[in-house]
Amino acid sequence: MQGIPEEVKARIIGVWWIYVNHANVRHVHAVKEELRAVVEAKDRQEAAALLDRIIFNTEDASDVAMVYSGARR
C-alpha cells in the first residue's frame, strides 16, 4: 500500500476488520450484491426468479428479515 496516506490505510484496515469479524456485515453485503443482480436483470421474469432466490436464502437470517420487513413498509 505504497503511496496511500496513513489515515486512509487505518480506515481500510478498520473496515476490513469489521467485515472479517462480523458475519452480519458480510451477509448484508452479499444480499446487497444479489439485489444488484435483480436490478440489472434482463427482464421481469429473471428479476423475479433472482428475488425469489434471495428471499429463500435469507428467510432464516433474522438481521436480513428485519431489514427486509422494514423495506416493505
N, C-alpha and C. Protein backbone atom coordinates (compact mmCIF):
# COMPACT_ATOMS: atom_id res chain seq x y z
N MET A 1 0.83 -1.18 0.00
CA MET A 1 0.00 0.00 0.00
C MET A 1 0.87 1.24 0.00
N GLN A 2 1.78 1.26 -0.93
CA GLN A 2 2.69 2.39 -1.02
C GLN A 2 1.96 3.59 -1.60
N GLY A 3 2.28 4.76 -1.06
CA GLY A 3 1.70 5.99 -1.58
C GLY A 3 0.33 6.32 -1.01
N ILE A 4 -0.21 5.46 -0.18
CA ILE A 4 -1.51 5.72 0.44
C ILE A 4 -1.26 6.35 1.80
N PRO A 5 -1.93 7.47 2.08
CA PRO A 5 -1.73 8.12 3.38
C PRO A 5 -2.07 7.19 4.55
N GLU A 6 -1.39 7.38 5.67
CA GLU A 6 -1.57 6.51 6.84
C GLU A 6 -3.01 6.50 7.34
N GLU A 7 -3.69 7.66 7.33
CA GLU A 7 -5.07 7.69 7.82
C GLU A 7 -6.01 6.88 6.93
N VAL A 8 -5.73 6.85 5.64
CA VAL A 8 -6.54 6.04 4.71
C VAL A 8 -6.25 4.55 4.95
N LYS A 9 -4.98 4.21 5.15
CA LYS A 9 -4.63 2.82 5.46
C LYS A 9 -5.34 2.36 6.73
N ALA A 10 -5.36 3.22 7.74
CA ALA A 10 -6.02 2.86 9.01
C ALA A 10 -7.50 2.64 8.80
N ARG A 11 -8.14 3.46 7.97
CA ARG A 11 -9.56 3.28 7.67
C ARG A 11 -9.81 1.97 6.94
N ILE A 12 -8.98 1.67 5.97
CA ILE A 12 -9.12 0.42 5.21
C ILE A 12 -8.99 -0.77 6.14
N ILE A 13 -7.99 -0.74 7.00
CA ILE A 13 -7.79 -1.85 7.95
C ILE A 13 -8.99 -1.96 8.89
N GLY A 14 -9.52 -0.83 9.35
CA GLY A 14 -10.68 -0.84 10.24
C GLY A 14 -11.91 -1.43 9.59
N VAL A 15 -12.18 -1.02 8.36
CA VAL A 15 -13.34 -1.55 7.64
C VAL A 15 -13.15 -3.04 7.39
N TRP A 16 -11.95 -3.44 6.99
CA TRP A 16 -11.68 -4.86 6.75
C TRP A 16 -11.88 -5.68 8.03
N TRP A 17 -11.43 -5.15 9.18
CA TRP A 17 -11.60 -5.85 10.46
C TRP A 17 -13.08 -6.06 10.76
N ILE A 18 -13.90 -5.02 10.55
CA ILE A 18 -15.34 -5.15 10.77
C ILE A 18 -15.91 -6.22 9.85
N TYR A 19 -15.54 -6.18 8.59
CA TYR A 19 -16.05 -7.14 7.60
C TYR A 19 -15.68 -8.57 7.97
N VAL A 20 -14.45 -8.80 8.41
CA VAL A 20 -13.97 -10.14 8.74
C VAL A 20 -14.58 -10.65 10.04
N ASN A 21 -14.79 -9.77 11.01
CA ASN A 21 -15.21 -10.20 12.34
C ASN A 21 -16.71 -10.13 12.61
N HIS A 22 -17.48 -9.63 11.69
CA HIS A 22 -18.92 -9.51 11.91
C HIS A 22 -19.67 -10.16 10.75
N ALA A 23 -20.21 -11.33 11.00
CA ALA A 23 -20.91 -12.09 9.95
C ALA A 23 -22.10 -11.32 9.40
N ASN A 24 -22.78 -10.54 10.24
CA ASN A 24 -23.94 -9.79 9.77
C ASN A 24 -23.57 -8.81 8.66
N VAL A 25 -22.42 -8.17 8.81
CA VAL A 25 -21.97 -7.22 7.78
C VAL A 25 -21.70 -7.96 6.48
N ARG A 26 -21.03 -9.10 6.58
CA ARG A 26 -20.76 -9.89 5.36
C ARG A 26 -22.06 -10.33 4.70
N HIS A 27 -23.03 -10.76 5.52
CA HIS A 27 -24.29 -11.26 4.98
C HIS A 27 -25.07 -10.14 4.28
N VAL A 28 -25.15 -8.98 4.93
CA VAL A 28 -25.87 -7.86 4.33
C VAL A 28 -25.18 -7.44 3.03
N HIS A 29 -23.86 -7.45 3.01
CA HIS A 29 -23.13 -7.10 1.78
C HIS A 29 -23.45 -8.09 0.67
N ALA A 30 -23.50 -9.38 1.00
CA ALA A 30 -23.82 -10.40 0.00
C ALA A 30 -25.23 -10.20 -0.56
N VAL A 31 -26.18 -9.89 0.31
CA VAL A 31 -27.55 -9.65 -0.14
C VAL A 31 -27.60 -8.41 -1.03
N LYS A 32 -26.85 -7.37 -0.66
CA LYS A 32 -26.81 -6.15 -1.49
C LYS A 32 -26.33 -6.48 -2.89
N GLU A 33 -25.30 -7.32 -2.98
CA GLU A 33 -24.79 -7.70 -4.30
C GLU A 33 -25.80 -8.52 -5.07
N GLU A 34 -26.55 -9.39 -4.39
CA GLU A 34 -27.58 -10.16 -5.06
C GLU A 34 -28.70 -9.25 -5.56
N LEU A 35 -29.04 -8.23 -4.78
CA LEU A 35 -30.07 -7.27 -5.20
C LEU A 35 -29.61 -6.48 -6.42
N ARG A 36 -28.33 -6.23 -6.50
CA ARG A 36 -27.79 -5.54 -7.69
C ARG A 36 -28.09 -6.36 -8.94
N ALA A 37 -27.97 -7.69 -8.84
CA ALA A 37 -28.27 -8.56 -9.97
C ALA A 37 -29.75 -8.46 -10.35
N VAL A 38 -30.62 -8.30 -9.35
CA VAL A 38 -32.05 -8.14 -9.64
C VAL A 38 -32.28 -6.88 -10.45
N VAL A 39 -31.66 -5.79 -10.04
CA VAL A 39 -31.83 -4.52 -10.74
C VAL A 39 -31.31 -4.61 -12.17
N GLU A 40 -30.24 -5.37 -12.36
CA GLU A 40 -29.62 -5.48 -13.68
C GLU A 40 -30.17 -6.63 -14.53
N ALA A 41 -31.21 -7.30 -14.06
CA ALA A 41 -31.80 -8.43 -14.80
C ALA A 41 -32.30 -7.97 -16.16
N LYS A 42 -32.29 -8.90 -17.11
CA LYS A 42 -32.68 -8.53 -18.48
C LYS A 42 -34.18 -8.36 -18.64
N ASP A 43 -34.97 -9.01 -17.77
CA ASP A 43 -36.43 -8.84 -17.83
C ASP A 43 -37.05 -9.13 -16.46
N ARG A 44 -38.35 -8.90 -16.35
CA ARG A 44 -39.04 -9.07 -15.07
C ARG A 44 -39.03 -10.51 -14.60
N GLN A 45 -39.09 -11.45 -15.51
CA GLN A 45 -39.10 -12.87 -15.13
C GLN A 45 -37.76 -13.25 -14.47
N GLU A 46 -36.67 -12.83 -15.06
CA GLU A 46 -35.36 -13.11 -14.47
C GLU A 46 -35.23 -12.41 -13.11
N ALA A 47 -35.69 -11.17 -13.02
CA ALA A 47 -35.63 -10.43 -11.77
C ALA A 47 -36.45 -11.12 -10.68
N ALA A 48 -37.63 -11.61 -11.04
CA ALA A 48 -38.48 -12.30 -10.06
C ALA A 48 -37.82 -13.58 -9.58
N ALA A 49 -37.19 -14.32 -10.47
CA ALA A 49 -36.51 -15.56 -10.08
C ALA A 49 -35.34 -15.26 -9.14
N LEU A 50 -34.58 -14.22 -9.45
CA LEU A 50 -33.46 -13.83 -8.58
C LEU A 50 -33.96 -13.38 -7.21
N LEU A 51 -35.03 -12.60 -7.20
CA LEU A 51 -35.58 -12.11 -5.94
C LEU A 51 -36.12 -13.27 -5.10
N ASP A 52 -36.79 -14.22 -5.74
CA ASP A 52 -37.27 -15.40 -5.01
C ASP A 52 -36.11 -16.15 -4.36
N ARG A 53 -35.01 -16.29 -5.08
CA ARG A 53 -33.84 -16.97 -4.52
C ARG A 53 -33.27 -16.22 -3.32
N ILE A 54 -33.21 -14.89 -3.43
CA ILE A 54 -32.70 -14.08 -2.32
C ILE A 54 -33.58 -14.26 -1.09
N ILE A 55 -34.88 -14.18 -1.28
CA ILE A 55 -35.81 -14.33 -0.16
C ILE A 55 -35.67 -15.70 0.46
N PHE A 56 -35.61 -16.73 -0.37
CA PHE A 56 -35.46 -18.10 0.14
C PHE A 56 -34.18 -18.25 0.95
N ASN A 57 -33.08 -17.70 0.45
CA ASN A 57 -31.78 -17.84 1.12
C ASN A 57 -31.65 -17.01 2.38
N THR A 58 -32.49 -16.00 2.55
CA THR A 58 -32.36 -15.13 3.72
C THR A 58 -33.49 -15.27 4.72
N GLU A 59 -34.41 -16.18 4.50
CA GLU A 59 -35.56 -16.32 5.40
C GLU A 59 -35.15 -16.57 6.84
N ASP A 60 -34.10 -17.34 7.07
CA ASP A 60 -33.70 -17.69 8.42
C ASP A 60 -32.75 -16.67 9.05
N ALA A 61 -32.31 -15.69 8.30
CA ALA A 61 -31.38 -14.70 8.85
C ALA A 61 -32.18 -13.56 9.46
N SER A 62 -32.20 -13.49 10.76
CA SER A 62 -33.05 -12.51 11.43
C SER A 62 -32.66 -11.08 11.10
N ASP A 63 -31.36 -10.81 10.94
CA ASP A 63 -30.96 -9.44 10.64
C ASP A 63 -31.46 -9.01 9.27
N VAL A 64 -31.41 -9.89 8.31
CA VAL A 64 -31.90 -9.57 6.97
C VAL A 64 -33.41 -9.50 6.97
N ALA A 65 -34.07 -10.37 7.72
CA ALA A 65 -35.52 -10.34 7.80
C ALA A 65 -36.00 -9.00 8.34
N MET A 66 -35.28 -8.45 9.32
CA MET A 66 -35.66 -7.15 9.86
C MET A 66 -35.49 -6.06 8.81
N VAL A 67 -34.40 -6.09 8.09
CA VAL A 67 -34.17 -5.11 7.04
C VAL A 67 -35.24 -5.27 5.95
N TYR A 68 -35.52 -6.51 5.57
CA TYR A 68 -36.49 -6.77 4.51
C TYR A 68 -37.87 -6.28 4.93
N SER A 69 -38.30 -6.57 6.16
CA SER A 69 -39.63 -6.14 6.59
C SER A 69 -39.68 -4.62 6.68
N GLY A 70 -38.58 -3.98 7.05
CA GLY A 70 -38.55 -2.53 7.09
C GLY A 70 -38.66 -1.92 5.71
N ALA A 71 -38.12 -2.60 4.73
CA ALA A 71 -38.15 -2.10 3.35
C ALA A 71 -39.55 -2.20 2.76
N ARG A 72 -40.38 -3.08 3.29
CA ARG A 72 -41.71 -3.29 2.71
C ARG A 72 -42.73 -2.27 3.22
N ARG A 73 -42.37 -1.50 4.24
CA ARG A 73 -43.34 -0.53 4.79
C ARG A 73 -43.65 0.58 3.85
